[in-house]
Amino acid sequence: MAYILVVDDESKMRHILRIMLELKGHKVKEASNGSIALKLIKEEPFDLVISDIKMPELDGFGLLDELKRLDQGPPVVFITAFATIDSAVEAMKRGAVDYITKPFEEERIHLTIEKALGISKIMEENRELKRQLDDVAGPKDIIYASPAMKKVIKMAERVAIKGDTTVLILGESGVGKEVMAHYIHKMSPRAQGKFVPVNCAAINQGLVESTLFGHERGAFTGADRRKKGLFEYAQGGTLFLDEIGDLPFEAQAKLLRALQEKAIQRVGGNDVIKIDVRVLCATNQNLEALVKKNKFRQDLFYRINVFPIEIPPLRSRTEDIIPLAKHFVKKAMGRDIDGPIFTQGAERVLLEHSWPGNVRELANAMERAVIMASSTPITVEHLSFLKPNKATGSLKDFKLPPEGINLEEFEKDIIRQALEIADNNQSKAARLLGLTRSKFRTRVKQLEND
């Protein structure tokens, strides 16, 4: 059963179509012109629209154009008494799924509806697939597939809508703290304002206060004119203070005052300037430890630690490695890619690397691999510069399970994995297992014959 909207300015025609469709078990609603139909479609999820072309207010072509703008509108079948070749061609060009002339046979109507409902089902499946891909790929600039990152994203979205809440983003170097900050900004009520990032560690210590709060003319040597700081520049938007742990102790008091009072004073000035800025902070340092060492103000720590979000390192969310790697390869090549991007062996190499530099290291590695490969798929050879985890070269951490193992099957599996990583190159597989090529081949034959 389908939910079908019949649109025609002739009540008799609507009545005939309703009876025919309801006898087949469909649910039917009527509209006398395109304007009424459009309003109904925005309110209810119809599976199909059967519409006349010539109608007052908004005709069938106009209705179809409006539905295309909705992006998720139902498919349309036109039915008209004024049939011409030109109008039929125009209908199909505009996106109608079929075109029926009056008078029509009942069988023709049912066959056309069956076909159109099949298209409607495909359209809905495509939309569902897109939603699923969005869930895996992540929103906007963030690519993820792991439960750990899904949890982080939900936290970010929850706090993003609170347009003034200060957020402290934690995580190792290279995990994507600035990407997360930018995402929070884009999901917030301040999205139309500026996103202003500043690396506190990169600012000359003598110019930190001037950079953040601005200065008046003559405030210090070289200050030949008044200059606005980043707080004023970010007015109405978001200021992202990266590496906040490296902010000089002297500047921390002024930052605390700005956050508490939502006001600043330029260096060398007396005027109090009101600010409307959301502040996001990030660090890869342990701020609580810095507080204990008197290198970071305790009151400022409490002020910026309103809503902490910690991004886990890449090595602890291995589900994200391959999706991210594919994204960076496409970005480096500047195009979409048909077919496999990595061989199975290459994917295993990516998964076994420890990624101490996290997402930033992965992005750089994929750019290097693309240069070496020049085309896909990328193989183990193109990733030869990556080193596996130290643990993969030793079995000292392997623990024999209480129930024991089948040693022969275990050895077969290790050899199979080595060949997979080496893309079936026996010399490379032998090196992975610390064997000569001849010993490796002998072992493979023995296992095959057993």
Protein backbone atom coordinates (compact mmCIF):
# COMPACT_ATOMS: atom_id res chain seq x y z
CA MET A 1 0.00 0.00 0.00
CA ALA A 2 1.20 3.50 -0.86
CA TYR A 3 0.20 7.02 0.14
CA ILE A 4 -0.66 8.87 -3.10
CA LEU A 5 -1.55 12.51 -3.69
CA VAL A 6 -3.86 13.19 -6.66
CA VAL A 7 -3.64 16.75 -7.99
CA ASP A 8 -6.20 17.95 -10.55
CA ASP A 9 -8.51 20.96 -10.85
CA GLU A 10 -11.34 18.68 -12.06
CA SER A 11 -13.09 17.09 -9.08
CA LYS A 12 -14.55 14.33 -11.27
CA MET A 13 -11.10 13.22 -12.39
CA ARG A 14 -9.81 13.25 -8.80
CA HIS A 15 -12.81 11.12 -7.75
CA ILE A 16 -12.24 8.55 -10.53
CA LEU A 17 -8.55 8.21 -9.67
CA ARG A 18 -9.30 7.93 -5.94
CA ILE A 19 -11.73 5.02 -6.52
CA MET A 20 -9.28 3.21 -8.83
CA LEU A 21 -6.37 3.60 -6.39
CA GLU A 22 -8.30 2.78 -3.22
CA LEU A 23 -9.59 -0.44 -4.80
CA LYS A 24 -5.94 -1.46 -5.10
CA GLY A 25 -5.43 -0.77 -1.39
CA HIS A 26 -3.69 2.61 -1.68
CA LYS A 27 -4.38 5.54 0.61
CA VAL A 28 -5.31 8.68 -1.37
CA LYS A 29 -5.44 12.40 -0.69
CA GLU A 30 -6.65 15.10 -3.12
CA ALA A 31 -5.55 18.64 -4.04
CA SER A 32 -7.20 20.97 -6.59
CA ASN A 33 -4.01 22.78 -7.64
CA GLY A 34 -0.24 22.79 -7.26
CA SER A 35 -0.15 25.33 -4.41
CA ILE A 36 -2.41 23.20 -2.20
CA ALA A 37 -0.46 20.07 -3.18
CA LEU A 38 2.87 21.67 -2.25
CA LYS A 39 1.57 22.60 1.20
CA LEU A 40 0.32 19.04 1.78
CA ILE A 41 3.62 17.51 0.62
CA LYS A 42 5.55 19.67 3.10
CA GLU A 43 3.30 18.37 5.87
CA GLU A 44 2.99 14.67 4.99
CA PRO A 45 5.29 11.99 3.50
CA PHE A 46 3.62 10.95 0.22
CA ASP A 47 5.03 8.04 -1.79
CA LEU A 48 3.80 9.37 -5.15
CA VAL A 49 2.14 12.38 -6.76
CA ILE A 50 -0.22 12.02 -9.76
CA SER A 51 -0.75 15.48 -11.19
CA ASP A 52 -2.48 17.27 -14.03
CA ILE A 53 -0.31 19.80 -15.92
CA LYS A 54 -2.68 22.67 -16.65
CA MET A 55 -4.08 24.03 -13.36
CA PRO A 56 -4.73 27.48 -11.85
CA GLU A 57 -2.32 29.19 -9.39
CA LEU A 58 0.50 26.65 -9.68
CA ASP A 59 0.50 24.22 -12.62
CA GLY A 60 2.03 20.75 -12.77
CA PHE A 61 5.42 21.92 -14.10
CA GLY A 62 5.60 24.57 -11.38
CA LEU A 63 4.78 21.97 -8.73
CA LEU A 64 7.52 19.67 -10.06
CA ASP A 65 10.06 22.51 -9.95
CA GLU A 66 9.17 23.23 -6.32
CA LEU A 67 9.45 19.56 -5.38
CA LYS A 68 12.93 19.37 -6.88
CA ARG A 69 13.97 22.19 -4.56
CA LEU A 70 12.75 20.15 -1.57
CA ASP A 71 15.37 17.51 -2.47
CA GLN A 72 13.33 14.78 -0.77
CA GLY A 73 10.04 15.26 -2.65
CA PRO A 74 8.09 12.24 -3.96
CA PRO A 75 8.25 11.17 -7.65
CA VAL A 76 5.64 12.70 -9.99
CA VAL A 77 3.51 11.15 -12.72
CA PHE A 78 1.77 13.61 -15.05
CA ILE A 79 -1.67 12.95 -16.44
CA THR A 80 -3.23 15.39 -18.93
CA ALA A 81 -5.78 15.77 -21.73
CA PHE A 82 -3.57 18.27 -23.59
CA ALA A 83 -0.89 15.86 -24.74
CA THR A 84 1.73 16.88 -27.25
CA ILE A 85 5.17 15.54 -28.03
CA ASP A 86 6.70 18.77 -26.78
CA SER A 87 4.87 18.63 -23.44
CA ALA A 88 5.84 14.98 -22.96
CA VAL A 89 9.50 15.74 -23.62
CA GLU A 90 9.34 18.76 -21.32
CA ALA A 91 7.77 16.69 -18.53
CA MET A 92 10.50 14.04 -18.66
CA LYS A 93 13.26 16.65 -18.91
CA ARG A 94 11.97 18.36 -15.79
CA GLY A 95 12.10 15.08 -13.87
CA ALA A 96 8.70 13.43 -14.08
CA VAL A 97 8.88 9.63 -13.90
CA ASP A 98 6.10 9.10 -16.46
CA TYR A 99 3.44 10.80 -18.57
CA ILE A 100 -0.13 9.55 -19.21
CA THR A 101 -2.72 11.04 -21.57
CA LYS A 102 -6.45 11.30 -21.00
CA PRO A 103 -8.53 9.30 -21.63
CA PHE A 104 -6.58 6.40 -20.18
CA GLU A 105 -7.07 2.70 -19.53
CA GLU A 106 -7.21 1.54 -15.92
CA GLU A 107 -4.52 -1.08 -16.53
CA ARG A 108 -2.18 1.62 -17.88
CA ILE A 109 -2.68 3.66 -14.70
CA HIS A 110 -1.87 0.72 -12.42
CA LEU A 111 1.25 -0.29 -14.39
CA THR A 112 2.53 3.28 -14.34
CA ILE A 113 1.92 3.59 -10.60
CA GLU A 114 3.70 0.29 -9.93
CA LYS A 115 6.73 1.52 -11.85
CA ALA A 116 6.67 4.93 -10.14
CA LEU A 117 6.40 3.37 -6.67
CA GLY A 118 9.46 1.27 -7.49
CA ILE A 119 11.34 4.47 -8.23
CA SER A 120 10.01 5.99 -5.00
CA LYS A 121 11.38 3.00 -3.06
CA ILE A 122 14.79 3.38 -4.69
CA MET A 123 14.82 7.11 -3.85
CA GLU A 124 14.04 6.37 -0.20
CA GLU A 125 16.71 3.63 -0.08
CA ASN A 126 19.23 6.10 -1.51
CA ARG A 127 18.30 8.67 1.13
CA GLU A 128 18.65 6.05 3.87
CA LEU A 129 22.02 4.96 2.48
CA LYS A 130 23.16 8.58 2.48
CA ARG A 131 22.07 8.91 6.12
CA GLN A 132 24.02 5.75 7.00
CA LEU A 133 27.10 7.01 5.17
CA ASP A 134 26.82 10.30 7.00
CA ASP A 135 26.76 8.38 10.29
CA VAL A 136 29.94 6.50 9.33
CA ALA A 137 31.80 9.28 7.62
CA GLY A 138 30.87 11.84 10.16
CA PRO A 139 29.58 15.35 9.80
CA LYS A 140 31.22 18.11 7.79
CA ASP A 141 35.01 17.91 8.13
CA ILE A 142 35.12 15.10 10.69
CA ILE A 143 35.67 11.59 9.35
CA TYR A 144 35.04 8.80 11.84
CA ALA A 145 33.57 5.33 12.27
CA SER A 146 34.52 4.41 15.84
CA PRO A 147 32.16 4.38 18.83
CA ALA A 148 34.71 6.47 20.75
CA MET A 149 34.53 9.32 18.23
CA LYS A 150 30.77 9.01 17.91
CA LYS A 151 30.55 9.71 21.63
CA VAL A 152 32.88 12.72 21.27
CA ILE A 153 30.81 14.10 18.38
CA LYS A 154 27.61 13.83 20.41
CA MET A 155 29.23 15.77 23.26
CA ALA A 156 30.45 18.42 20.82
CA GLU A 157 27.00 18.80 19.27
CA ARG A 158 25.39 19.05 22.70
CA VAL A 159 27.63 21.90 23.81
CA ALA A 160 27.73 23.60 20.39
CA ILE A 161 24.15 24.82 20.70
CA LYS A 162 25.10 26.61 23.92
CA GLY A 163 26.59 29.57 22.12
CA ASP A 164 28.50 31.03 25.07
CA THR A 165 29.80 27.97 26.96
CA THR A 166 33.59 27.75 27.10
CA VAL A 167 34.94 24.39 25.93
CA LEU A 168 38.33 22.84 26.69
CA ILE A 169 39.39 20.37 24.00
CA LEU A 170 42.00 17.88 25.18
CA GLY A 171 44.10 15.35 23.32
CA GLU A 172 47.52 14.47 22.01
CA SER A 173 49.19 16.52 19.32
CA GLY A 174 47.69 15.82 15.90
CA VAL A 175 44.36 14.32 16.97
CA GLY A 176 42.38 17.13 15.35
CA LYS A 177 41.60 19.57 18.15
CA GLU A 178 41.28 22.54 15.78
CA VAL A 179 39.01 20.55 13.46
CA MET A 180 36.79 19.79 16.46
CA ALA A 181 36.79 23.45 17.51
CA HIS A 182 35.80 24.50 14.00
CA TYR A 183 33.02 21.92 14.00
CA ILE A 184 31.64 23.22 17.30
CA HIS A 185 31.65 26.72 15.81
CA LYS A 186 29.83 25.60 12.64
CA MET A 187 27.18 23.78 14.68
CA SER A 188 26.63 26.73 17.01
CA PRO A 189 24.36 29.81 16.82
CA ARG A 190 27.56 31.74 16.01
CA ALA A 191 28.17 29.86 12.77
CA GLN A 192 27.66 33.00 10.67
CA GLY A 193 30.37 34.81 12.64
CA LYS A 194 34.13 34.48 12.30
CA PHE A 195 36.13 31.48 13.52
CA VAL A 196 39.47 32.92 14.65
CA PRO A 197 42.19 30.38 15.57
CA VAL A 198 45.39 31.41 17.36
CA ASN A 199 48.26 29.22 18.54
CA CYS A 200 49.29 30.60 21.93
CA ALA A 201 52.66 28.84 21.70
CA ALA A 202 53.50 30.62 18.45
CA ILE A 203 52.90 34.19 19.65
CA ASN A 204 55.95 36.22 20.65
CA GLN A 205 55.74 36.40 24.46
CA GLY A 206 56.12 40.17 24.44
CA LEU A 207 53.18 40.55 22.06
CA VAL A 208 50.66 38.12 23.56
CA GLU A 209 48.47 40.78 25.21
CA SER A 210 48.62 43.05 22.14
CA THR A 211 47.69 40.12 19.88
CA LEU A 212 44.70 39.09 21.97
CA PHE A 213 43.44 42.42 23.28
CA GLY A 214 44.89 45.00 20.88
CA HIS A 215 46.82 48.17 21.71
CA GLU A 216 46.55 51.93 21.55
CA ARG A 217 48.89 54.14 19.59
CA GLY A 218 52.09 54.76 21.55
CA ALA A 219 51.44 51.90 23.99
CA PHE A 220 54.95 50.60 23.33
CA THR A 221 57.84 51.11 20.94
CA GLY A 222 56.62 50.46 17.41
CA ALA A 223 52.94 50.96 18.23
CA ASP A 224 52.47 53.75 15.70
CA ARG A 225 48.71 53.25 15.43
CA ARG A 226 45.76 51.76 17.26
CA LYS A 227 45.27 48.05 16.57
CA LYS A 228 42.35 45.79 17.38
CA GLY A 229 43.15 42.44 18.98
CA LEU A 230 41.77 39.03 18.14
CA PHE A 231 38.97 39.33 20.69
CA GLU A 232 37.59 42.35 18.85
CA TYR A 233 38.23 40.74 15.47
CA ALA A 234 36.21 37.67 16.52
CA GLN A 235 33.26 39.78 17.74
CA GLY A 236 30.05 37.80 17.30
CA GLY A 237 31.97 34.64 16.48
CA THR A 238 34.38 32.16 18.05
CA LEU A 239 37.97 32.62 19.26
CA PHE A 240 39.95 29.38 19.40
CA LEU A 241 42.96 29.48 21.74
CA ASP A 242 45.10 26.50 20.81
CA GLU A 243 47.92 25.35 23.10
CA ILE A 244 46.41 27.36 25.96
CA GLY A 245 48.91 25.73 28.34
CA ASP A 246 51.68 27.79 26.70
CA LEU A 247 50.01 31.13 27.39
CA PRO A 248 52.41 33.24 29.49
CA PHE A 249 51.44 33.42 33.15
CA GLU A 250 51.19 37.22 33.04
CA ALA A 251 48.62 37.14 30.22
CA GLN A 252 46.46 34.53 31.97
CA ALA A 253 45.06 37.05 34.46
CA LYS A 254 43.90 39.34 31.66
CA LEU A 255 42.33 36.42 29.80
CA LEU A 256 40.47 35.37 32.97
CA ARG A 257 39.10 38.90 33.35
CA ALA A 258 37.97 38.95 29.71
CA LEU A 259 36.13 35.64 30.14
CA GLN A 260 34.47 36.64 33.40
CA GLU A 261 33.50 40.20 32.55
CA LYS A 262 33.06 39.78 28.78
CA ALA A 263 35.11 42.92 28.37
CA ILE A 264 38.69 43.83 27.47
CA GLN A 265 41.05 46.78 27.56
CA ARG A 266 43.60 47.41 24.85
CA VAL A 267 47.23 47.60 25.94
CA GLY A 268 47.90 51.25 26.86
CA GLY A 269 44.19 52.11 26.86
CA ASN A 270 41.60 52.92 29.52
CA ASP A 271 38.39 52.25 27.63
CA VAL A 272 36.50 49.10 28.57
CA ILE A 273 35.34 47.33 25.39
CA LYS A 274 32.44 44.90 25.65
CA ILE A 275 32.95 41.67 23.73
CA ASP A 276 30.52 39.06 22.43
CA VAL A 277 32.84 36.13 21.72
CA ARG A 278 32.75 32.44 22.47
CA VAL A 279 36.13 31.08 23.57
CA LEU A 280 37.22 27.52 22.81
CA CYS A 281 40.54 26.32 24.22
CA ALA A 282 42.72 23.31 23.46
CA THR A 283 45.87 21.74 24.85
CA ASN A 284 47.90 18.54 24.75
CA GLN A 285 49.28 19.27 28.22
CA ASN A 286 48.04 18.29 31.67
CA LEU A 287 46.76 21.64 32.94
CA GLU A 288 46.14 20.31 36.44
CA ALA A 289 49.83 19.36 36.66
CA LEU A 290 50.78 22.84 35.42
CA VAL A 291 48.55 24.35 38.12
CA LYS A 292 50.41 22.37 40.80
CA LYS A 293 53.71 23.67 39.39
CA ASN A 294 52.35 27.26 39.47
CA LYS A 295 52.74 27.51 35.69
CA PHE A 296 49.01 27.87 35.04
CA ARG A 297 46.48 29.84 37.07
CA GLN A 298 44.08 27.66 39.00
CA ASP A 299 41.20 30.12 38.64
CA LEU A 300 41.71 30.28 34.87
CA PHE A 301 41.79 26.48 34.69
CA TYR A 302 38.43 26.26 36.45
CA ARG A 303 37.04 28.97 34.16
CA ILE A 304 37.99 27.25 30.88
CA ASN A 305 37.30 23.72 32.10
CA VAL A 306 33.52 24.27 32.03
CA PHE A 307 32.94 21.55 29.42
CA PRO A 308 36.00 19.38 28.65
CA ILE A 309 36.03 17.19 25.54
CA GLU A 310 38.88 14.70 25.15
CA ILE A 311 39.68 13.38 21.68
CA PRO A 312 41.20 9.88 21.92
CA PRO A 313 44.46 9.12 20.08
CA LEU A 314 44.21 7.39 16.72
CA ARG A 315 45.82 4.19 18.02
CA SER A 316 42.88 3.66 20.38
CA ARG A 317 40.23 4.10 17.65
CA THR A 318 41.54 1.92 14.86
CA GLU A 319 38.11 1.84 13.17
CA ASP A 320 38.82 5.42 12.03
CA ILE A 321 42.18 4.71 10.38
CA ILE A 322 41.00 3.34 7.02
CA PRO A 323 38.12 5.84 6.50
CA LEU A 324 40.50 8.70 7.32
CA ALA A 325 43.24 7.30 5.10
CA LYS A 326 40.84 7.00 2.15
CA HIS A 327 39.68 10.57 2.73
CA PHE A 328 43.25 11.89 2.70
CA VAL A 329 44.14 9.92 -0.44
CA LYS A 330 41.15 11.40 -2.29
CA LYS A 331 42.08 14.84 -1.01
CA ALA A 332 45.70 14.43 -2.15
CA MET A 333 44.58 13.23 -5.59
CA GLY A 334 41.95 15.95 -5.82
CA ARG A 335 39.22 13.64 -7.08
CA ASP A 336 36.89 10.77 -6.26
CA ILE A 337 38.33 7.31 -6.86
CA ASP A 338 36.64 4.37 -8.52
CA GLY A 339 37.73 0.95 -7.31
CA PRO A 340 39.82 -0.03 -4.28
CA ILE A 341 42.08 2.64 -2.78
CA PHE A 342 44.28 0.21 -0.81
CA THR A 343 45.26 -3.44 -1.18
CA GLN A 344 44.46 -5.68 1.77
CA GLY A 345 48.12 -5.75 2.70
CA ALA A 346 48.31 -1.95 2.66
CA GLU A 347 45.29 -1.70 4.93
CA ARG A 348 46.93 -4.11 7.37
CA VAL A 349 50.10 -1.96 7.39
CA LEU A 350 48.00 1.12 8.18
CA LEU A 351 46.21 -0.68 11.00
CA GLU A 352 49.43 -2.01 12.52
CA HIS A 353 51.25 1.32 12.57
CA SER A 354 51.08 3.04 15.98
CA TRP A 355 50.49 6.58 14.58
CA PRO A 356 52.28 8.54 17.31
CA GLY A 357 51.53 11.71 15.34
CA ASN A 358 47.84 10.76 15.14
CA VAL A 359 45.61 12.13 12.35
CA ARG A 360 48.18 14.73 11.28
CA GLU A 361 50.77 11.99 10.72
CA LEU A 362 48.23 9.91 8.79
CA ALA A 363 47.39 12.85 6.51
CA ASN A 364 51.07 13.46 5.75
CA ALA A 365 51.68 9.74 5.20
CA MET A 366 48.85 9.51 2.68
CA GLU A 367 50.17 12.52 0.77
CA ARG A 368 53.57 10.82 0.59
CA ALA A 369 52.00 7.50 -0.48
CA VAL A 370 50.05 9.22 -3.27
CA ILE A 371 53.27 10.79 -4.59
CA MET A 372 54.98 7.39 -4.54
CA ALA A 373 52.04 5.49 -6.05
CA SER A 374 50.70 8.11 -8.51
CA SER A 375 47.61 5.89 -8.88
CA THR A 376 45.49 3.48 -6.86
CA PRO A 377 45.41 0.98 -5.35
CA ILE A 378 48.15 1.90 -2.88
CA THR A 379 50.20 -1.16 -1.94
CA VAL A 380 52.57 -2.20 0.84
CA GLU A 381 55.44 -1.02 -1.35
CA HIS A 382 54.10 2.53 -1.31
CA LEU A 383 53.86 2.43 2.51
CA SER A 384 57.34 1.02 3.11
CA PHE A 385 58.26 4.13 5.11
CA LEU A 386 55.77 3.17 7.84
CA LYS A 387 57.08 1.08 10.70
CA PRO A 388 54.85 -1.44 12.51
CA ASN A 389 54.33 -1.34 16.25
CA LYS A 390 57.32 -2.66 18.14
CA ALA A 391 55.06 -5.31 19.61
CA THR A 392 54.50 -6.80 16.16
CA GLY A 393 58.15 -7.75 15.96
CA SER A 394 58.11 -9.76 19.20
CA LEU A 395 55.99 -12.51 20.69
CA LYS A 396 57.04 -11.77 24.26
CA ASP A 397 53.56 -10.38 25.02
CA PHE A 398 51.77 -13.39 23.53
CA LYS A 399 49.99 -15.45 26.21
CA LEU A 400 49.03 -19.05 25.53
CA PRO A 401 45.31 -19.43 26.31
CA PRO A 402 44.41 -22.02 28.99
CA GLU A 403 42.65 -24.18 26.40
CA GLY A 404 45.79 -24.22 24.23
CA ILE A 405 46.06 -23.68 20.45
CA ASN A 406 46.49 -25.70 17.28
CA LEU A 407 50.12 -24.83 16.49
CA GLU A 408 49.86 -25.95 12.85
CA GLU A 409 46.77 -23.80 12.25
CA PHE A 410 48.40 -20.93 14.11
CA GLU A 411 51.48 -21.11 11.88
CA LYS A 412 49.35 -21.33 8.74
CA ASP A 413 47.48 -18.21 9.80
CA ILE A 414 50.72 -16.29 10.52
CA ILE A 415 52.08 -17.20 7.09
CA ARG A 416 48.79 -16.25 5.45
CA GLN A 417 48.88 -12.86 7.21
CA ALA A 418 52.49 -12.28 6.13
CA LEU A 419 51.59 -13.00 2.49
CA GLU A 420 48.57 -10.72 2.75
CA ILE A 421 50.63 -7.85 4.11
CA ALA A 422 53.26 -8.42 1.43
CA ASP A 423 50.66 -8.61 -1.35
CA ASN A 424 51.74 -12.24 -2.02
CA ASN A 425 55.39 -11.27 -2.49
CA GLN A 426 57.18 -14.22 -0.87
CA SER A 427 60.48 -12.37 -0.36
CA LYS A 428 58.75 -9.61 1.58
CA ALA A 429 56.65 -12.11 3.53
CA ALA A 430 59.78 -14.01 4.48
CA ARG A 431 61.42 -10.82 5.78
CA LEU A 432 58.34 -10.10 7.91
CA LEU A 433 58.81 -13.47 9.60
CA GLY A 434 62.62 -13.25 9.90
CA LEU A 435 63.18 -16.08 7.40
CA THR A 436 65.15 -16.44 4.21
CA ARG A 437 63.08 -16.80 1.05
CA SER A 438 64.08 -20.45 0.63
CA LYS A 439 63.17 -21.33 4.24
CA PHE A 440 59.87 -19.51 3.87
CA ARG A 441 59.01 -21.41 0.65
CA THR A 442 59.97 -24.72 2.31
CA ARG A 443 57.72 -23.94 5.27
CA VAL A 444 54.81 -23.03 2.98
CA LYS A 445 55.20 -26.31 1.05
CA GLN A 446 55.35 -28.33 4.27
CA LEU A 447 52.16 -26.75 5.52
CA GLU A 448 50.44 -27.28 2.15
CA ASN A 449 51.37 -30.97 2.19
CA ASP A 450 50.30 -31.57 5.79
